[in-house]
């Protein structure tokens, strides 16, 4: 068995779900290994994503764990047997792993939701906006690192799944670049908001009912709700959240943010007014 050197977030999620199933069944890793006829070390490697698992073994484990959710098991099998080499692999070793993990999550997503407080969401940014954002990072990026991040972000923008972005007025007003770049970014938002798969909502400064739902996040819809993921920016990369209790908190948070925002038509009018002010 060849151990993986750097499991992806998707592989880690599969491993986590298998461990959760075993623990819910009240079995130790040694007991699970005995049922499968392998060493306890192999179960440990599977549950830490250092090793893969075949469809046959995964289904046997699910049976031993008394998991009867056929749709969930099929989803796990799809994760375990997927051999897709995504476009993001071109950047492995060139960009932080969290960039690639986010790209992989987005590639397999059923839908995407984003709450933005201080910055326009990356999936909706113009190149000038991206360049200004990345240029402000500390420590400073080299020219090569800057261009790689811009190329990667532009590639991420080729998504086709339903996407809803709720953007605070602060993110629309903060000039990460100059006036011309800011106006172009607002114009781009208006254009993208007309796409069938993109919904843009705005939360103005003077709108009531926002204080209890002010958390920036990206919500990635999995093949099943229990396989959803929330992505939060952290000082040293992105944090991927997948426990059911936390997912429920973020689902509620998004519903509150959505309810406190302007509808899509009102949001377009609002963005149009801001663009005229520049």
C-alpha atoms as a PDB file:
ATOM      1  CA  UNK A   1       0.000   0.000   0.000  1.00  0.00           C
ATOM      2  CA  UNK A   2       1.497   3.316  -1.110  1.00  0.00           C
ATOM      3  CA  UNK A   3       0.847   6.110   1.357  1.00  0.00           C
ATOM      4  CA  UNK A   4      -0.305   9.470   0.047  1.00  0.00           C
ATOM      5  CA  UNK A   5       2.019  12.351   0.741  1.00  0.00           C
ATOM      6  CA  UNK A   6      -0.565  15.136   0.514  1.00  0.00           C
ATOM      7  CA  UNK A   7      -4.249  14.149   0.689  1.00  0.00           C
ATOM      8  CA  UNK A   8      -6.694  16.608  -0.820  1.00  0.00           C
ATOM      9  CA  UNK A   9      -9.601  18.119   1.108  1.00  0.00           C
ATOM     10  CA  UNK A  10     -11.980  15.821  -0.797  1.00  0.00           C
ATOM     11  CA  UNK A  11      -9.955  12.756   0.195  1.00  0.00           C
ATOM     12  CA  UNK A  12      -9.844  14.000   3.784  1.00  0.00           C
ATOM     13  CA  UNK A  13     -13.615  14.428   3.771  1.00  0.00           C
ATOM     14  CA  UNK A  14     -14.132  10.831   2.624  1.00  0.00           C
ATOM     15  CA  UNK A  15     -11.793   9.635   5.366  1.00  0.00           C
ATOM     16  CA  UNK A  16     -13.642  11.712   7.960  1.00  0.00           C
ATOM     17  CA  UNK A  17     -17.030  10.325   6.919  1.00  0.00           C
ATOM     18  CA  UNK A  18     -15.760   6.732   7.148  1.00  0.00           C
ATOM     19  CA  UNK A  19     -14.395   7.397  10.635  1.00  0.00           C
ATOM     20  CA  UNK A  20     -17.705   8.949  11.675  1.00  0.00           C
ATOM     21  CA  UNK A  21     -19.592   5.896  10.420  1.00  0.00           C
ATOM     22  CA  UNK A  22     -17.303   3.568  12.381  1.00  0.00           C
ATOM     23  CA  UNK A  23     -17.616   5.599  15.567  1.00  0.00           C
ATOM     24  CA  UNK A  24     -21.407   5.784  15.187  1.00  0.00           C
ATOM     25  CA  UNK A  25     -21.405   1.978  14.982  1.00  0.00           C
ATOM     26  CA  UNK A  26     -19.456   1.812  18.248  1.00  0.00           C
ATOM     27  CA  UNK A  27     -16.524  -0.049  16.717  1.00  0.00           C
ATOM     28  CA  UNK A  28     -12.814   0.468  17.271  1.00  0.00           C
ATOM     29  CA  UNK A  29     -10.401   0.614  14.346  1.00  0.00           C
ATOM     30  CA  UNK A  30      -9.092  -2.810  15.403  1.00  0.00           C
ATOM     31  CA  UNK A  31     -12.602  -4.271  15.296  1.00  0.00           C
ATOM     32  CA  UNK A  32     -13.252  -2.698  11.887  1.00  0.00           C
ATOM     33  CA  UNK A  33      -9.978  -4.131  10.607  1.00  0.00           C
ATOM     34  CA  UNK A  34     -10.991  -7.587  11.814  1.00  0.00           C
ATOM     35  CA  UNK A  35     -14.328  -7.377  10.003  1.00  0.00           C
ATOM     36  CA  UNK A  36     -12.564  -6.347   6.798  1.00  0.00           C
ATOM     37  CA  UNK A  37      -9.671  -8.773   7.162  1.00  0.00           C
ATOM     38  CA  UNK A  38      -6.957  -6.114   7.122  1.00  0.00           C
ATOM     39  CA  UNK A  39      -4.532  -4.684   9.662  1.00  0.00           C
ATOM     40  CA  UNK A  40      -5.602  -1.932  12.075  1.00  0.00           C
ATOM     41  CA  UNK A  41      -2.893   0.217  10.496  1.00  0.00           C
ATOM     42  CA  UNK A  42      -4.691   0.044   7.155  1.00  0.00           C
ATOM     43  CA  UNK A  43      -7.933   1.268   8.711  1.00  0.00           C
ATOM     44  CA  UNK A  44      -5.992   4.105  10.344  1.00  0.00           C
ATOM     45  CA  UNK A  45      -4.454   5.042   7.010  1.00  0.00           C
ATOM     46  CA  UNK A  46      -7.845   4.988   5.280  1.00  0.00           C
ATOM     47  CA  UNK A  47      -9.390   7.163   8.012  1.00  0.00           C
ATOM     48  CA  UNK A  48      -6.540   9.664   7.805  1.00  0.00           C
ATOM     49  CA  UNK A  49      -6.709   9.789   3.969  1.00  0.00           C
ATOM     50  CA  UNK A  50      -3.173   8.421   3.698  1.00  0.00           C
ATOM     51  CA  UNK A  51      -4.599   5.512   1.709  1.00  0.00           C
ATOM     52  CA  UNK A  52      -7.549   5.079  -0.598  1.00  0.00           C
ATOM     53  CA  UNK A  53     -10.301   2.491  -0.363  1.00  0.00           C
ATOM     54  CA  UNK A  54     -11.890   0.427  -3.130  1.00  0.00           C
ATOM     55  CA  UNK A  55     -15.616   0.427  -3.823  1.00  0.00           C
ATOM     56  CA  UNK A  56     -15.904  -3.179  -2.630  1.00  0.00           C
ATOM     57  CA  UNK A  57     -14.197  -2.488   0.681  1.00  0.00           C
ATOM     58  CA  UNK A  58     -16.103   0.738   1.225  1.00  0.00           C
ATOM     59  CA  UNK A  59     -19.449  -1.009   0.740  1.00  0.00           C
ATOM     60  CA  UNK A  60     -18.359  -3.820   3.066  1.00  0.00           C
ATOM     61  CA  UNK A  61     -17.401  -1.282   5.706  1.00  0.00           C
ATOM     62  CA  UNK A  62     -20.731   0.515   5.324  1.00  0.00           C
ATOM     63  CA  UNK A  63     -22.516  -2.830   5.771  1.00  0.00           C
ATOM     64  CA  UNK A  64     -20.505  -3.659   8.877  1.00  0.00           C
ATOM     65  CA  UNK A  65     -21.270  -0.187  10.219  1.00  0.00           C
ATOM     66  CA  UNK A  66     -24.998  -0.792   9.628  1.00  0.00           C
ATOM     67  CA  UNK A  67     -25.268   2.246   7.355  1.00  0.00           C
ATOM     68  CA  UNK A  68     -28.463   1.846   5.328  1.00  0.00           C
ATOM     69  CA  UNK A  69     -28.402   5.224   3.565  1.00  0.00           C
ATOM     70  CA  UNK A  70     -27.848   3.963   0.010  1.00  0.00           C
ATOM     71  CA  UNK A  71     -27.628   7.451  -1.479  1.00  0.00           C
ATOM     72  CA  UNK A  72     -24.975   8.465   1.047  1.00  0.00           C
ATOM     73  CA  UNK A  73     -22.967   5.283   0.440  1.00  0.00           C
ATOM     74  CA  UNK A  74     -23.131   5.851  -3.339  1.00  0.00           C
ATOM     75  CA  UNK A  75     -21.865   9.397  -2.824  1.00  0.00           C
ATOM     76  CA  UNK A  76     -18.937   8.107  -0.764  1.00  0.00           C
ATOM     77  CA  UNK A  77     -18.167   5.520  -3.435  1.00  0.00           C
ATOM     78  CA  UNK A  78     -18.104   8.262  -6.067  1.00  0.00           C
ATOM     79  CA  UNK A  79     -15.618  10.177  -3.923  1.00  0.00           C
ATOM     80  CA  UNK A  80     -13.479   7.087  -3.377  1.00  0.00           C
ATOM     81  CA  UNK A  81     -13.338   6.003  -7.020  1.00  0.00           C
ATOM     82  CA  UNK A  82     -13.042   9.409  -8.691  1.00  0.00           C
ATOM     83  CA  UNK A  83      -9.785   9.579 -10.638  1.00  0.00           C
ATOM     84  CA  UNK A  84     -10.383  12.982 -12.192  1.00  0.00           C
ATOM     85  CA  UNK A  85      -7.236  15.028 -12.695  1.00  0.00           C
ATOM     86  CA  UNK A  86      -8.652  18.516 -12.512  1.00  0.00           C
ATOM     87  CA  UNK A  87      -7.240  21.652 -14.086  1.00  0.00           C
ATOM     88  CA  UNK A  88      -6.107  22.796 -10.639  1.00  0.00           C
ATOM     89  CA  UNK A  89      -3.454  20.048 -10.564  1.00  0.00           C
ATOM     90  CA  UNK A  90      -1.393  22.217 -12.917  1.00  0.00           C
ATOM     91  CA  UNK A  91      -0.777  24.461  -9.922  1.00  0.00           C
ATOM     92  CA  UNK A  92       0.277  21.762  -7.448  1.00  0.00           C
ATOM     93  CA  UNK A  93       3.594  22.707  -5.945  1.00  0.00           C
ATOM     94  CA  UNK A  94       3.162  26.258  -7.237  1.00  0.00           C
ATOM     95  CA  UNK A  95       0.282  27.498  -5.067  1.00  0.00           C
ATOM     96  CA  UNK A  96      -0.738  26.717  -1.462  1.00  0.00           C
ATOM     97  CA  UNK A  97      -2.653  23.436  -1.176  1.00  0.00           C
ATOM     98  CA  UNK A  98      -5.740  25.250   0.142  1.00  0.00           C
ATOM     99  CA  UNK A  99      -6.106  26.993  -3.246  1.00  0.00           C
ATOM    100  CA  UNK A 100      -6.272  23.618  -4.981  1.00  0.00           C
ATOM    101  CA  UNK A 101      -8.606  22.109  -2.392  1.00  0.00           C
ATOM    102  CA  UNK A 102     -11.049  24.982  -2.868  1.00  0.00           C
ATOM    103  CA  UNK A 103     -10.928  24.526  -6.647  1.00  0.00           C
ATOM    104  CA  UNK A 104     -11.658  20.817  -6.257  1.00  0.00           C
ATOM    105  CA  UNK A 105     -14.589  21.500  -3.945  1.00  0.00           C
ATOM    106  CA  UNK A 106     -16.043  24.039  -6.373  1.00  0.00           C
ATOM    107  CA  UNK A 107     -15.597  21.630  -9.290  1.00  0.00           C
ATOM    108  CA  UNK A 108     -17.726  18.975  -7.563  1.00  0.00           C
ATOM    109  CA  UNK A 109     -20.251  21.406  -6.047  1.00  0.00           C
ATOM    110  CA  UNK A 110     -23.991  21.261  -6.732  1.00  0.00           C
ATOM    111  CA  UNK A 111     -24.285  24.937  -5.810  1.00  0.00           C
ATOM    112  CA  UNK A 112     -22.202  27.729  -4.305  1.00  0.00           C
ATOM    113  CA  UNK A 113     -23.136  30.487  -1.867  1.00  0.00           C
ATOM    114  CA  UNK A 114     -20.950  33.315  -0.669  1.00  0.00           C
ATOM    115  CA  UNK A 115     -21.275  36.032   1.950  1.00  0.00           C
ATOM    116  CA  UNK A 116     -18.801  38.878   1.415  1.00  0.00           C
ATOM    117  CA  UNK A 117     -18.283  41.689   3.897  1.00  0.00           C
ATOM    118  CA  UNK A 118     -15.066  43.487   2.905  1.00  0.00           C
ATOM    119  CA  UNK A 119     -14.115  42.141  -0.526  1.00  0.00           C
ATOM    120  CA  UNK A 120     -15.966  41.324  -3.728  1.00  0.00           C
ATOM    121  CA  UNK A 121     -16.044  37.499  -3.989  1.00  0.00           C
ATOM    122  CA  UNK A 122     -13.126  36.090  -5.957  1.00  0.00           C
ATOM    123  CA  UNK A 123     -15.427  34.314  -8.411  1.00  0.00           C
ATOM    124  CA  UNK A 124     -16.845  37.704  -9.437  1.00  0.00           C
ATOM    125  CA  UNK A 125     -13.683  39.798  -9.488  1.00  0.00           C
ATOM    126  CA  UNK A 126     -12.202  41.505 -12.533  1.00  0.00           C
ATOM    127  CA  UNK A 127      -8.529  40.900 -13.246  1.00  0.00           C
ATOM    128  CA  UNK A 128      -7.679  44.444 -12.108  1.00  0.00           C
ATOM    129  CA  UNK A 129      -9.480  43.821  -8.827  1.00  0.00           C
ATOM    130  CA  UNK A 130      -7.662  40.518  -8.323  1.00  0.00           C
ATOM    131  CA  UNK A 131      -4.336  42.146  -9.027  1.00  0.00           C
ATOM    132  CA  UNK A 132      -4.994  44.878  -6.480  1.00  0.00           C
ATOM    133  CA  UNK A 133      -6.108  42.368  -3.829  1.00  0.00           C
ATOM    134  CA  UNK A 134      -3.136  40.049  -4.295  1.00  0.00           C
ATOM    135  CA  UNK A 135      -0.689  42.952  -4.530  1.00  0.00           C
ATOM    136  CA  UNK A 136      -1.738  44.101  -1.059  1.00  0.00           C
ATOM    137  CA  UNK A 137      -0.846  40.769   0.575  1.00  0.00           C
ATOM    138  CA  UNK A 138       1.879  40.547   3.207  1.00  0.00           C
ATOM    139  CA  UNK A 139       4.454  39.229   2.871  1.00  0.00           C
ATOM    140  CA  UNK A 140       4.569  40.590  -0.660  1.00  0.00           C
ATOM    141  CA  UNK A 141       4.235  38.164  -3.542  1.00  0.00           C
ATOM    142  CA  UNK A 142       6.824  37.850  -6.259  1.00  0.00           C
ATOM    143  CA  UNK A 143       5.718  38.728  -9.790  1.00  0.00           C
ATOM    144  CA  UNK A 144       5.532  35.014 -10.609  1.00  0.00           C
ATOM    145  CA  UNK A 145       3.430  34.224  -7.529  1.00  0.00           C
ATOM    146  CA  UNK A 146       1.114  37.131  -8.318  1.00  0.00           C
ATOM    147  CA  UNK A 147       0.507  35.965 -11.886  1.00  0.00           C
ATOM    148  CA  UNK A 148      -0.087  32.362 -10.768  1.00  0.00           C
ATOM    149  CA  UNK A 149      -2.752  33.467  -8.308  1.00  0.00           C
ATOM    150  CA  UNK A 150      -4.473  35.589 -10.933  1.00  0.00           C
ATOM    151  CA  UNK A 151      -4.440  32.774 -13.507  1.00  0.00           C
ATOM    152  CA  UNK A 152      -5.792  30.331 -10.934  1.00  0.00           C
ATOM    153  CA  UNK A 153      -8.596  32.654  -9.834  1.00  0.00           C
ATOM    154  CA  UNK A 154      -9.629  33.354 -13.421  1.00  0.00           C
ATOM    155  CA  UNK A 155      -9.780  29.599 -14.061  1.00  0.00           C
ATOM    156  CA  UNK A 156     -12.054  29.198 -11.027  1.00  0.00           C
ATOM    157  CA  UNK A 157     -14.466  31.674 -12.590  1.00  0.00           C
ATOM    158  CA  UNK A 158     -15.472  29.165 -15.279  1.00  0.00           C
ATOM    159  CA  UNK A 159     -18.065  27.628 -12.940  1.00  0.00           C
ATOM    160  CA  UNK A 160     -21.563  26.802 -14.206  1.00  0.00           C
ATOM    161  CA  UNK A 161     -23.399  25.679 -11.049  1.00  0.00           C
ATOM    162  CA  UNK A 162     -25.957  27.940  -9.329  1.00  0.00           C
ATOM    163  CA  UNK A 163     -24.113  30.643  -7.394  1.00  0.00           C
ATOM    164  CA  UNK A 164     -25.541  33.178  -4.979  1.00  0.00           C
ATOM    165  CA  UNK A 165     -23.423  35.996  -3.579  1.00  0.00           C
ATOM    166  CA  UNK A 166     -24.599  38.310  -0.821  1.00  0.00           C
ATOM    167  CA  UNK A 167     -22.273  41.307  -0.755  1.00  0.00           C
ATOM    168  CA  UNK A 168     -22.164  44.048   1.858  1.00  0.00           C
ATOM    169  CA  UNK A 169     -22.034  47.644   0.686  1.00  0.00           C
ATOM    170  CA  UNK A 170     -18.621  47.955   2.352  1.00  0.00           C
ATOM    171  CA  UNK A 171     -17.158  45.479  -0.128  1.00  0.00           C
ATOM    172  CA  UNK A 172     -18.613  47.482  -3.009  1.00  0.00           C
ATOM    173  CA  UNK A 173     -17.281  50.812  -1.763  1.00  0.00           C
ATOM    174  CA  UNK A 174     -13.784  49.841  -0.608  1.00  0.00           C
ATOM    175  CA  UNK A 175     -11.369  50.723  -3.406  1.00  0.00           C
ATOM    176  CA  UNK A 176      -8.809  47.959  -3.471  1.00  0.00           C
ATOM    177  CA  UNK A 177      -7.535  49.603  -6.662  1.00  0.00           C
ATOM    178  CA  UNK A 178      -8.145  52.994  -8.218  1.00  0.00           C
ATOM    179  CA  UNK A 179     -11.426  54.674  -9.191  1.00  0.00           C
ATOM    180  CA  UNK A 180     -11.368  53.269 -12.726  1.00  0.00           C
ATOM    181  CA  UNK A 181     -10.835  49.709 -11.481  1.00  0.00           C
ATOM    182  CA  UNK A 182     -13.604  50.114  -8.911  1.00  0.00           C
ATOM    183  CA  UNK A 183     -16.081  51.324 -11.527  1.00  0.00           C
ATOM    184  CA  UNK A 184     -15.123  48.455 -13.833  1.00  0.00           C
ATOM    185  CA  UNK A 185     -15.667  45.986 -10.996  1.00  0.00           C
ATOM    186  CA  UNK A 186     -19.166  47.292 -10.313  1.00  0.00           C
ATOM    187  CA  UNK A 187     -19.967  47.145 -14.023  1.00  0.00           C
ATOM    188  CA  UNK A 188     -18.747  43.561 -14.119  1.00  0.00           C
ATOM    189  CA  UNK A 189     -20.992  42.672 -11.186  1.00  0.00           C
ATOM    190  CA  UNK A 190     -23.973  44.074 -13.049  1.00  0.00           C
ATOM    191  CA  UNK A 191     -23.102  41.988 -16.107  1.00  0.00           C
ATOM    192  CA  UNK A 192     -22.625  38.797 -14.103  1.00  0.00           C
ATOM    193  CA  UNK A 193     -25.855  39.329 -12.163  1.00  0.00           C
ATOM    194  CA  UNK A 194     -27.758  38.887 -15.437  1.00  0.00           C
ATOM    195  CA  UNK A 195     -26.413  35.352 -15.921  1.00  0.00           C
ATOM    196  CA  UNK A 196     -28.937  32.578 -15.357  1.00  0.00           C
ATOM    197  CA  UNK A 197     -26.781  30.769 -12.789  1.00  0.00           C
ATOM    198  CA  UNK A 198     -25.605  33.815 -10.815  1.00  0.00           C
ATOM    199  CA  UNK A 199     -27.587  35.747  -8.205  1.00  0.00           C
ATOM    200  CA  UNK A 200     -26.159  38.869  -6.607  1.00  0.00           C
ATOM    201  CA  UNK A 201     -27.716  40.440  -3.533  1.00  0.00           C
ATOM    202  CA  UNK A 202     -26.558  43.551  -1.679  1.00  0.00           C
ATOM    203  CA  UNK A 203     -26.749  44.514   1.975  1.00  0.00           C
ATOM    204  CA  UNK A 204     -26.698  48.338   2.245  1.00  0.00           C
ATOM    205  CA  UNK A 205     -25.285  50.054   5.307  1.00  0.00           C
ATOM    206  CA  UNK A 206     -28.735  51.338   6.285  1.00  0.00           C
ATOM    207  CA  UNK A 207     -30.576  48.024   5.985  1.00  0.00           C
ATOM    208  CA  UNK A 208     -31.982  46.701   9.271  1.00  0.00           C
ATOM    209  CA  UNK A 209     -31.526  43.191  10.605  1.00  0.00           C
ATOM    210  CA  UNK A 210     -27.967  42.412   9.598  1.00  0.00           C
ATOM    211  CA  UNK A 211     -26.000  42.477  12.863  1.00  0.00           C
ATOM    212  CA  UNK A 212     -26.753  38.862  13.767  1.00  0.00           C
ATOM    213  CA  UNK A 213     -25.534  37.490  10.437  1.00  0.00           C
ATOM    214  CA  UNK A 214     -22.286  39.219   9.581  1.00  0.00           C
ATOM    215  CA  UNK A 215     -19.907  36.333   8.956  1.00  0.00           C
ATOM    216  CA  UNK A 216     -17.938  35.995   5.723  1.00  0.00           C
ATOM    217  CA  UNK A 217     -18.125  32.482   4.302  1.00  0.00           C
ATOM    218  CA  UNK A 218     -18.273  30.282   1.231  1.00  0.00           C
ATOM    219  CA  UNK A 219     -20.878  27.503   1.349  1.00  0.00           C
ATOM    220  CA  UNK A 220     -20.252  24.610  -1.022  1.00  0.00           C
ATOM    221  CA  UNK A 221     -23.145  22.266  -1.713  1.00  0.00           C
ATOM    222  CA  UNK A 222     -22.114  18.613  -1.825  1.00  0.00           C
ATOM    223  CA  UNK A 223     -23.898  15.723  -3.560  1.00  0.00           C
ATOM    224  CA  UNK A 224     -25.998  15.439  -0.370  1.00  0.00           C
ATOM    225  CA  UNK A 225     -26.615  18.037   2.344  1.00  0.00           C
ATOM    226  CA  UNK A 226     -24.586  15.990   4.852  1.00  0.00           C
ATOM    227  CA  UNK A 227     -21.608  16.337   2.470  1.00  0.00           C
ATOM    228  CA  UNK A 228     -21.782  20.127   2.258  1.00  0.00           C
ATOM    229  CA  UNK A 229     -18.718  22.158   3.243  1.00  0.00           C
ATOM    230  CA  UNK A 230     -18.187  25.670   4.585  1.00  0.00           C
ATOM    231  CA  UNK A 231     -14.928  27.396   3.732  1.00  0.00           C
ATOM    232  CA  UNK A 232     -13.639  30.169   5.974  1.00  0.00           C
ATOM    233  CA  UNK A 233     -10.533  32.273   5.390  1.00  0.00           C
ATOM    234  CA  UNK A 234      -7.866  31.737   8.036  1.00  0.00           C
ATOM    235  CA  UNK A 235      -4.520  33.490   8.622  1.00  0.00           C
ATOM    236  CA  UNK A 236      -2.559  30.610   7.102  1.00  0.00           C
ATOM    237  CA  UNK A 237      -4.947  29.321   4.450  1.00  0.00           C
ATOM    238  CA  UNK A 238      -8.565  28.239   4.359  1.00  0.00           C
ATOM    239  CA  UNK A 239     -10.464  26.312   7.023  1.00  0.00           C
ATOM    240  CA  UNK A 240     -12.848  23.611   5.773  1.00  0.00           C
ATOM    241  CA  UNK A 241     -15.823  22.988   8.073  1.00  0.00           C
ATOM    242  CA  UNK A 242     -17.975  19.891   7.686  1.00  0.00           C
ATOM    243  CA  UNK A 243     -19.519  18.794  10.990  1.00  0.00           C
ATOM    244  CA  UNK A 244     -23.296  18.617  10.828  1.00  0.00           C
ATOM    245  CA  UNK A 245     -23.745  20.907  13.845  1.00  0.00           C
ATOM    246  CA  UNK A 246     -21.555  23.615  12.325  1.00  0.00           C
ATOM    247  CA  UNK A 247     -23.122  23.233   8.887  1.00  0.00           C
ATOM    248  CA  UNK A 248     -26.535  23.847  10.427  1.00  0.00           C
ATOM    249  CA  UNK A 249     -25.237  27.036  12.045  1.00  0.00           C
ATOM    250  CA  UNK A 250     -23.932  28.331   8.721  1.00  0.00           C
ATOM    251  CA  UNK A 251     -27.111  27.346   6.883  1.00  0.00           C
ATOM    252  CA  UNK A 252     -29.080  29.402   9.376  1.00  0.00           C
ATOM    253  CA  UNK A 253     -26.589  32.241   9.069  1.00  0.00           C
ATOM    254  CA  UNK A 254     -26.948  32.327   5.292  1.00  0.00           C
ATOM    255  CA  UNK A 255     -30.738  32.333   5.501  1.00  0.00           C
ATOM    256  CA  UNK A 256     -30.540  35.356   7.834  1.00  0.00           C
ATOM    257  CA  UNK A 257     -28.120  37.161   5.549  1.00  0.00           C
ATOM    258  CA  UNK A 258     -30.281  36.414   2.529  1.00  0.00           C
ATOM    259  CA  UNK A 259     -33.403  37.638   4.322  1.00  0.00           C
ATOM    260  CA  UNK A 260     -31.643  40.870   5.325  1.00  0.00           C
ATOM    261  CA  UNK A 261     -30.466  41.652   1.798  1.00  0.00           C
ATOM    262  CA  UNK A 262     -32.059  43.450  -1.121  1.00  0.00           C
ATOM    263  CA  UNK A 263     -33.650  41.287  -3.784  1.00  0.00           C
ATOM    264  CA  UNK A 264     -31.687  40.775  -7.033  1.00  0.00           C
ATOM    265  CA  UNK A 265     -33.444  43.575  -8.933  1.00  0.00           C
ATOM    266  CA  UNK A 266     -33.033  46.061  -6.086  1.00  0.00           C
ATOM    267  CA  UNK A 267     -29.406  44.977  -5.758  1.00  0.00           C
ATOM    268  CA  UNK A 268     -28.699  45.704  -9.426  1.00  0.00           C
ATOM    269  CA  UNK A 269     -30.235  49.147  -9.038  1.00  0.00           C
ATOM    270  CA  UNK A 270     -28.095  49.750  -5.964  1.00  0.00           C
ATOM    271  CA  UNK A 271     -24.878  48.698  -7.714  1.00  0.00           C
ATOM    272  CA  UNK A 272     -25.777  50.841 -10.704  1.00  0.00           C
ATOM    273  CA  UNK A 273     -26.167  53.900  -8.445  1.00  0.00           C
ATOM    274  CA  UNK A 274     -22.810  53.239  -6.803  1.00  0.00           C
ATOM    275  CA  UNK A 275     -21.138  52.955 -10.202  1.00  0.00           C
ATOM    276  CA  UNK A 276     -22.572  56.307 -11.243  1.00  0.00           C
ATOM    277  CA  UNK A 277     -21.122  57.925  -8.127  1.00  0.00           C
ATOM    278  CA  UNK A 278     -17.560  56.965  -9.132  1.00  0.00           C
END
